[in-house]
Amino acid sequence: RVKRVVTIENHVVSGGLGSAVAEVAARGGYAIRWKQVALPDAFCVSGSIPYLTELYKMRSGDIAETASSLFE
């Protein structure tokens, strides 16, 4: 009955929670709208947590915006 899913992880996009959710949805034939908040599959820069969460759009406001975009 779930129509929308957002996964959030401080991990790269591939091989994490988001990948597992996508696999379950695909195998089960579930029609969901899904967004993933994660680090890009690339070498990432170093820095403080506040700097990195801003750079990779992982602040609470960014996550809320991603979730809201599922309703557009």
PDB file of N, CA and C in Angstrom:
ATOM      1  N   ARG A   1       0.811  -1.204   0.000  1.00  0.00           N
ATOM      2  CA  ARG A   1       0.000   0.000   0.000  1.00  0.00           C
ATOM      3  C   ARG A   1       0.854   1.267   0.000  1.00  0.00           C
ATOM      4  N   VAL A   2       2.147   1.132   0.207  1.00  0.00           N
ATOM      5  CA  VAL A   2       3.042   2.292   0.202  1.00  0.00           C
ATOM      6  C   VAL A   2       3.241   2.749  -1.237  1.00  0.00           C
ATOM      7  N   LYS A   3       3.055   4.041  -1.471  1.00  0.00           N
ATOM      8  CA  LYS A   3       3.170   4.588  -2.825  1.00  0.00           C
ATOM      9  C   LYS A   3       4.469   5.358  -3.053  1.00  0.00           C
ATOM     10  N   ARG A   4       5.080   5.825  -1.951  1.00  0.00           N
ATOM     11  CA  ARG A   4       6.282   6.657  -2.063  1.00  0.00           C
ATOM     12  C   ARG A   4       7.291   6.227  -1.008  1.00  0.00           C
ATOM     13  N   VAL A   5       8.574   6.235  -1.419  1.00  0.00           N
ATOM     14  CA  VAL A   5       9.646   5.835  -0.506  1.00  0.00           C
ATOM     15  C   VAL A   5      10.829   6.772  -0.701  1.00  0.00           C
ATOM     16  N   VAL A   6      11.436   7.190   0.406  1.00  0.00           N
ATOM     17  CA  VAL A   6      12.690   7.933   0.373  1.00  0.00           C
ATOM     18  C   VAL A   6      13.679   7.158   1.233  1.00  0.00           C
ATOM     19  N   THR A   7      14.840   6.847   0.671  1.00  0.00           N
ATOM     20  CA  THR A   7      15.891   6.221   1.460  1.00  0.00           C
ATOM     21  C   THR A   7      16.996   7.243   1.670  1.00  0.00           C
ATOM     22  N   ILE A   8      17.567   7.220   2.862  1.00  0.00           N
ATOM     23  CA  ILE A   8      18.614   8.174   3.226  1.00  0.00           C
ATOM     24  C   ILE A   8      19.755   7.390   3.854  1.00  0.00           C
ATOM     25  N   GLU A   9      20.963   7.619   3.360  1.00  0.00           N
ATOM     26  CA  GLU A   9      22.115   6.935   3.935  1.00  0.00           C
ATOM     27  C   GLU A   9      23.386   7.737   3.699  1.00  0.00           C
ATOM     28  N   ASN A  10      24.321   7.628   4.644  1.00  0.00           N
ATOM     29  CA  ASN A  10      25.609   8.300   4.455  1.00  0.00           C
ATOM     30  C   ASN A  10      26.590   7.279   3.881  1.00  0.00           C
ATOM     31  N   HIS A  11      26.259   6.880   2.681  1.00  0.00           N
ATOM     32  CA  HIS A  11      26.951   5.815   1.963  1.00  0.00           C
ATOM     33  C   HIS A  11      26.788   6.153   0.487  1.00  0.00           C
ATOM     34  N   VAL A  12      27.578   5.527  -0.353  1.00  0.00           N
ATOM     35  CA  VAL A  12      27.405   5.772  -1.786  1.00  0.00           C
ATOM     36  C   VAL A  12      26.095   5.168  -2.280  1.00  0.00           C
ATOM     37  N   VAL A  13      25.630   5.663  -3.394  1.00  0.00           N
ATOM     38  CA  VAL A  13      24.343   5.277  -3.965  1.00  0.00           C
ATOM     39  C   VAL A  13      24.244   3.767  -4.186  1.00  0.00           C
ATOM     40  N   SER A  14      25.285   3.157  -4.721  1.00  0.00           N
ATOM     41  CA  SER A  14      25.225   1.732  -5.063  1.00  0.00           C
ATOM     42  C   SER A  14      25.483   0.838  -3.857  1.00  0.00           C
ATOM     43  N   GLY A  15      24.705  -0.219  -3.778  1.00  0.00           N
ATOM     44  CA  GLY A  15      24.971  -1.254  -2.798  1.00  0.00           C
ATOM     45  C   GLY A  15      24.482  -1.014  -1.392  1.00  0.00           C
ATOM     46  N   GLY A  16      23.662  -0.030  -1.185  1.00  0.00           N
ATOM     47  CA  GLY A  16      23.178   0.260   0.156  1.00  0.00           C
ATOM     48  C   GLY A  16      21.693   0.012   0.305  1.00  0.00           C
ATOM     49  N   LEU A  17      21.099   0.699   1.252  1.00  0.00           N
ATOM     50  CA  LEU A  17      19.684   0.554   1.538  1.00  0.00           C
ATOM     51  C   LEU A  17      18.824   0.877   0.316  1.00  0.00           C
ATOM     52  N   GLY A  18      19.148   1.954  -0.366  1.00  0.00           N
ATOM     53  CA  GLY A  18      18.368   2.339  -1.547  1.00  0.00           C
ATOM     54  C   GLY A  18      18.361   1.264  -2.612  1.00  0.00           C
ATOM     55  N   SER A  19      19.509   0.645  -2.829  1.00  0.00           N
ATOM     56  CA  SER A  19      19.588  -0.448  -3.803  1.00  0.00           C
ATOM     57  C   SER A  19      18.719  -1.618  -3.376  1.00  0.00           C
ATOM     58  N   ALA A  20      18.717  -1.927  -2.087  1.00  0.00           N
ATOM     59  CA  ALA A  20      17.901  -3.034  -1.576  1.00  0.00           C
ATOM     60  C   ALA A  20      16.412  -2.740  -1.751  1.00  0.00           C
ATOM     61  N   VAL A  21      15.997  -1.510  -1.465  1.00  0.00           N
ATOM     62  CA  VAL A  21      14.589  -1.127  -1.637  1.00  0.00           C
ATOM     63  C   VAL A  21      14.192  -1.225  -3.106  1.00  0.00           C
ATOM     64  N   ALA A  22      15.052  -0.750  -3.995  1.00  0.00           N
ATOM     65  CA  ALA A  22      14.763  -0.805  -5.426  1.00  0.00           C
ATOM     66  C   ALA A  22      14.631  -2.251  -5.897  1.00  0.00           C
ATOM     67  N   GLU A  23      15.487  -3.113  -5.392  1.00  0.00           N
ATOM     68  CA  GLU A  23      15.430  -4.518  -5.784  1.00  0.00           C
ATOM     69  C   GLU A  23      14.134  -5.181  -5.303  1.00  0.00           C
ATOM     70  N   VAL A  24      13.749  -4.928  -4.069  1.00  0.00           N
ATOM     71  CA  VAL A  24      12.504  -5.495  -3.537  1.00  0.00           C
ATOM     72  C   VAL A  24      11.307  -4.992  -4.334  1.00  0.00           C
ATOM     73  N   ALA A  25      11.294  -3.696  -4.637  1.00  0.00           N
ATOM     74  CA  ALA A  25      10.184  -3.123  -5.406  1.00  0.00           C
ATOM     75  C   ALA A  25      10.116  -3.740  -6.800  1.00  0.00           C
ATOM     76  N   ALA A  26      11.255  -3.888  -7.433  1.00  0.00           N
ATOM     77  CA  ALA A  26      11.284  -4.451  -8.792  1.00  0.00           C
ATOM     78  C   ALA A  26      10.855  -5.916  -8.796  1.00  0.00           C
ATOM     79  N   ARG A  27      11.394  -6.681  -7.885  1.00  0.00           N
ATOM     80  CA  ARG A  27      11.052  -8.109  -7.838  1.00  0.00           C
ATOM     81  C   ARG A  27       9.592  -8.352  -7.462  1.00  0.00           C
ATOM     82  N   GLY A  28       9.072  -7.481  -6.604  1.00  0.00           N
ATOM     83  CA  GLY A  28       7.692  -7.647  -6.168  1.00  0.00           C
ATOM     84  C   GLY A  28       6.680  -7.005  -7.090  1.00  0.00           C
ATOM     85  N   GLY A  29       7.147  -6.280  -8.088  1.00  0.00           N
ATOM     86  CA  GLY A  29       6.249  -5.616  -9.020  1.00  0.00           C
ATOM     87  C   GLY A  29       5.503  -4.450  -8.387  1.00  0.00           C
ATOM     88  N   TYR A  30       6.114  -3.843  -7.364  1.00  0.00           N
ATOM     89  CA  TYR A  30       5.469  -2.716  -6.679  1.00  0.00           C
ATOM     90  C   TYR A  30       5.657  -1.433  -7.477  1.00  0.00           C
ATOM     91  N   ALA A  31       4.580  -0.723  -7.684  1.00  0.00           N
ATOM     92  CA  ALA A  31       4.630   0.559  -8.384  1.00  0.00           C
ATOM     93  C   ALA A  31       4.781   1.656  -7.334  1.00  0.00           C
ATOM     94  N   ILE A  32       6.027   2.049  -7.080  1.00  0.00           N
ATOM     95  CA  ILE A  32       6.287   3.097  -6.093  1.00  0.00           C
ATOM     96  C   ILE A  32       7.052   4.235  -6.754  1.00  0.00           C
ATOM     97  N   ARG A  33       6.892   5.406  -6.188  1.00  0.00           N
ATOM     98  CA  ARG A  33       7.755   6.535  -6.538  1.00  0.00           C
ATOM     99  C   ARG A  33       8.838   6.532  -5.482  1.00  0.00           C
ATOM    100  N   TRP A  34      10.090   6.629  -5.893  1.00  0.00           N
ATOM    101  CA  TRP A  34      11.213   6.421  -4.985  1.00  0.00           C
ATOM    102  C   TRP A  34      12.317   7.429  -5.254  1.00  0.00           C
ATOM    103  N   LYS A  35      12.877   7.958  -4.189  1.00  0.00           N
ATOM    104  CA  LYS A  35      14.022   8.864  -4.280  1.00  0.00           C
ATOM    105  C   LYS A  35      15.069   8.376  -3.293  1.00  0.00           C
ATOM    106  N   GLN A  36      16.309   8.616  -3.632  1.00  0.00           N
ATOM    107  CA  GLN A  36      17.420   8.181  -2.804  1.00  0.00           C
ATOM    108  C   GLN A  36      18.286   9.386  -2.464  1.00  0.00           C
ATOM    109  N   VAL A  37      18.576   9.542  -1.186  1.00  0.00           N
ATOM    110  CA  VAL A  37      19.509  10.563  -0.730  1.00  0.00           C
ATOM    111  C   VAL A  37      20.753   9.809  -0.271  1.00  0.00           C
ATOM    112  N   ALA A  38      21.850   9.980  -1.000  1.00  0.00           N
ATOM    113  CA  ALA A  38      23.085   9.254  -0.701  1.00  0.00           C
ATOM    114  C   ALA A  38      24.248   9.977  -1.376  1.00  0.00           C
ATOM    115  N   LEU A  39      25.434   9.523  -1.077  1.00  0.00           N
ATOM    116  CA  LEU A  39      26.616  10.087  -1.706  1.00  0.00           C
ATOM    117  C   LEU A  39      26.730   9.587  -3.139  1.00  0.00           C
ATOM    118  N   PRO A  40      27.309  10.381  -4.028  1.00  0.00           N
ATOM    119  CA  PRO A  40      27.461   9.939  -5.415  1.00  0.00           C
ATOM    120  C   PRO A  40      28.473   8.796  -5.511  1.00  0.00           C
ATOM    121  N   ASP A  41      28.350   7.984  -6.551  1.00  0.00           N
ATOM    122  CA  ASP A  41      29.326   6.925  -6.804  1.00  0.00           C
ATOM    123  C   ASP A  41      30.562   7.545  -7.449  1.00  0.00           C
ATOM    124  N   ALA A  42      31.368   8.183  -6.648  1.00  0.00           N
ATOM    125  CA  ALA A  42      32.573   8.859  -7.129  1.00  0.00           C
ATOM    126  C   ALA A  42      33.481   9.087  -5.934  1.00  0.00           C
ATOM    127  N   PHE A  43      34.696   9.464  -6.199  1.00  0.00           N
ATOM    128  CA  PHE A  43      35.569   9.834  -5.098  1.00  0.00           C
ATOM    129  C   PHE A  43      35.034  11.125  -4.495  1.00  0.00           C
ATOM    130  N   CYS A  44      34.790  11.113  -3.217  1.00  0.00           N
ATOM    131  CA  CYS A  44      34.199  12.265  -2.540  1.00  0.00           C
ATOM    132  C   CYS A  44      35.282  13.087  -1.857  1.00  0.00           C
ATOM    133  N   VAL A  45      35.002  14.351  -1.692  1.00  0.00           N
ATOM    134  CA  VAL A  45      35.939  15.236  -1.006  1.00  0.00           C
ATOM    135  C   VAL A  45      35.869  14.985   0.497  1.00  0.00           C
ATOM    136  N   SER A  46      36.866  15.481   1.203  1.00  0.00           N
ATOM    137  CA  SER A  46      36.899  15.378   2.663  1.00  0.00           C
ATOM    138  C   SER A  46      36.494  16.706   3.258  1.00  0.00           C
ATOM    139  N   GLY A  47      36.063  16.672   4.501  1.00  0.00           N
ATOM    140  CA  GLY A  47      35.720  17.904   5.188  1.00  0.00           C
ATOM    141  C   GLY A  47      34.912  17.618   6.436  1.00  0.00           C
ATOM    142  N   SER A  48      34.492  18.677   7.061  1.00  0.00           N
ATOM    143  CA  SER A  48      33.686  18.555   8.275  1.00  0.00           C
ATOM    144  C   SER A  48      32.298  18.024   7.913  1.00  0.00           C
ATOM    145  N   ILE A  49      31.628  17.455   8.894  1.00  0.00           N
ATOM    146  CA  ILE A  49      30.279  16.933   8.665  1.00  0.00           C
ATOM    147  C   ILE A  49      29.348  18.039   8.167  1.00  0.00           C
ATOM    148  N   PRO A  50      29.322  19.222   8.787  1.00  0.00           N
ATOM    149  CA  PRO A  50      28.434  20.273   8.267  1.00  0.00           C
ATOM    150  C   PRO A  50      28.740  20.640   6.803  1.00  0.00           C
ATOM    151  N   TYR A  51      30.017  20.715   6.461  1.00  0.00           N
ATOM    152  CA  TYR A  51      30.397  21.041   5.082  1.00  0.00           C
ATOM    153  C   TYR A  51      29.918  19.958   4.112  1.00  0.00           C
ATOM    154  N   LEU A  52      30.163  18.702   4.465  1.00  0.00           N
ATOM    155  CA  LEU A  52      29.805  17.600   3.576  1.00  0.00           C
ATOM    156  C   LEU A  52      28.298  17.429   3.439  1.00  0.00           C
ATOM    157  N   THR A  53      27.561  17.584   4.533  1.00  0.00           N
ATOM    158  CA  THR A  53      26.104  17.447   4.429  1.00  0.00           C
ATOM    159  C   THR A  53      25.513  18.553   3.564  1.00  0.00           C
ATOM    160  N   GLU A  54      26.103  19.721   3.607  1.00  0.00           N
ATOM    161  CA  GLU A  54      25.635  20.798   2.729  1.00  0.00           C
ATOM    162  C   GLU A  54      26.032  20.513   1.277  1.00  0.00           C
ATOM    163  N   LEU A  55      27.272  20.116   1.069  1.00  0.00           N
ATOM    164  CA  LEU A  55      27.779  19.860  -0.280  1.00  0.00           C
ATOM    165  C   LEU A  55      26.972  18.769  -0.990  1.00  0.00           C
ATOM    166  N   TYR A  56      26.666  17.705  -0.279  1.00  0.00           N
ATOM    167  CA  TYR A  56      25.971  16.578  -0.884  1.00  0.00           C
ATOM    168  C   TYR A  56      24.458  16.600  -0.645  1.00  0.00           C
ATOM    169  N   LYS A  57      23.958  17.745  -0.208  1.00  0.00           N
ATOM    170  CA  LYS A  57      22.513  17.965  -0.025  1.00  0.00           C
ATOM    171  C   LYS A  57      21.884  16.886   0.861  1.00  0.00           C
ATOM    172  N   MET A  58      22.469  16.743   2.056  1.00  0.00           N
ATOM    173  CA  MET A  58      21.991  15.746   3.004  1.00  0.00           C
ATOM    174  C   MET A  58      21.539  16.381   4.321  1.00  0.00           C
ATOM    175  N   ARG A  59      21.294  17.691   4.297  1.00  0.00           N
ATOM    176  CA  ARG A  59      20.756  18.356   5.497  1.00  0.00           C
ATOM    177  C   ARG A  59      19.275  18.041   5.613  1.00  0.00           C
ATOM    178  N   SER A  60      18.725  18.266   6.780  1.00  0.00           N
ATOM    179  CA  SER A  60      17.313  17.922   7.003  1.00  0.00           C
ATOM    180  C   SER A  60      16.398  18.633   6.006  1.00  0.00           C
ATOM    181  N   GLY A  61      16.675  19.889   5.717  1.00  0.00           N
ATOM    182  CA  GLY A  61      15.858  20.619   4.746  1.00  0.00           C
ATOM    183  C   GLY A  61      15.953  20.027   3.345  1.00  0.00           C
ATOM    184  N   ASP A  62      17.147  19.576   2.970  1.00  0.00           N
ATOM    185  CA  ASP A  62      17.339  18.940   1.662  1.00  0.00           C
ATOM    186  C   ASP A  62      16.558  17.637   1.575  1.00  0.00           C
ATOM    187  N   ILE A  63      16.585  16.870   2.666  1.00  0.00           N
ATOM    188  CA  ILE A  63      15.863  15.601   2.704  1.00  0.00           C
ATOM    189  C   ILE A  63      14.355  15.848   2.623  1.00  0.00           C
ATOM    190  N   ALA A  64      13.879  16.848   3.356  1.00  0.00           N
ATOM    191  CA  ALA A  64      12.450  17.192   3.300  1.00  0.00           C
ATOM    192  C   ALA A  64      12.049  17.617   1.893  1.00  0.00           C
ATOM    193  N   GLU A  65      12.905  18.370   1.229  1.00  0.00           N
ATOM    194  CA  GLU A  65      12.626  18.806  -0.151  1.00  0.00           C
ATOM    195  C   GLU A  65      12.568  17.604  -1.100  1.00  0.00           C
ATOM    196  N   THR A  66      13.484  16.658  -0.919  1.00  0.00           N
ATOM    197  CA  THR A  66      13.461  15.449  -1.736  1.00  0.00           C
ATOM    198  C   THR A  66      12.170  14.675  -1.514  1.00  0.00           C
ATOM    199  N   ALA A  67      11.779  14.528  -0.256  1.00  0.00           N
ATOM    200  CA  ALA A  67      10.524  13.815   0.052  1.00  0.00           C
ATOM    201  C   ALA A  67       9.335  14.545  -0.546  1.00  0.00           C
ATOM    202  N   SER A  68       9.293  15.846  -0.434  1.00  0.00           N
ATOM    203  CA  SER A  68       8.177  16.633  -0.977  1.00  0.00           C
ATOM    204  C   SER A  68       8.077  16.499  -2.487  1.00  0.00           C
ATOM    205  N   SER A  69       9.223  16.343  -3.150  1.00  0.00           N
ATOM    206  CA  SER A  69       9.222  16.251  -4.610  1.00  0.00           C
ATOM    207  C   SER A  69       8.489  14.989  -5.102  1.00  0.00           C
ATOM    208  N   LEU A  70       8.312  14.015  -4.248  1.00  0.00           N
ATOM    209  CA  LEU A  70       7.565  12.805  -4.632  1.00  0.00           C
ATOM    210  C   LEU A  70       6.077  13.062  -4.799  1.00  0.00           C
ATOM    211  N   PHE A  71       5.603  14.198  -4.320  1.00  0.00           N
ATOM    212  CA  PHE A  71       4.176  14.528  -4.385  1.00  0.00           C
ATOM    213  C   PHE A  71       3.863  15.485  -5.530  1.00  0.00           C
ATOM    214  N   GLU A  72       4.867  15.839  -6.311  1.00  0.00           N
ATOM    215  CA  GLU A  72       4.659  16.786  -7.425  1.00  0.00           C
ATOM    216  C   GLU A  72       4.099  16.069  -8.636  1.00  0.00           C
TER     217      GLU A  72
END
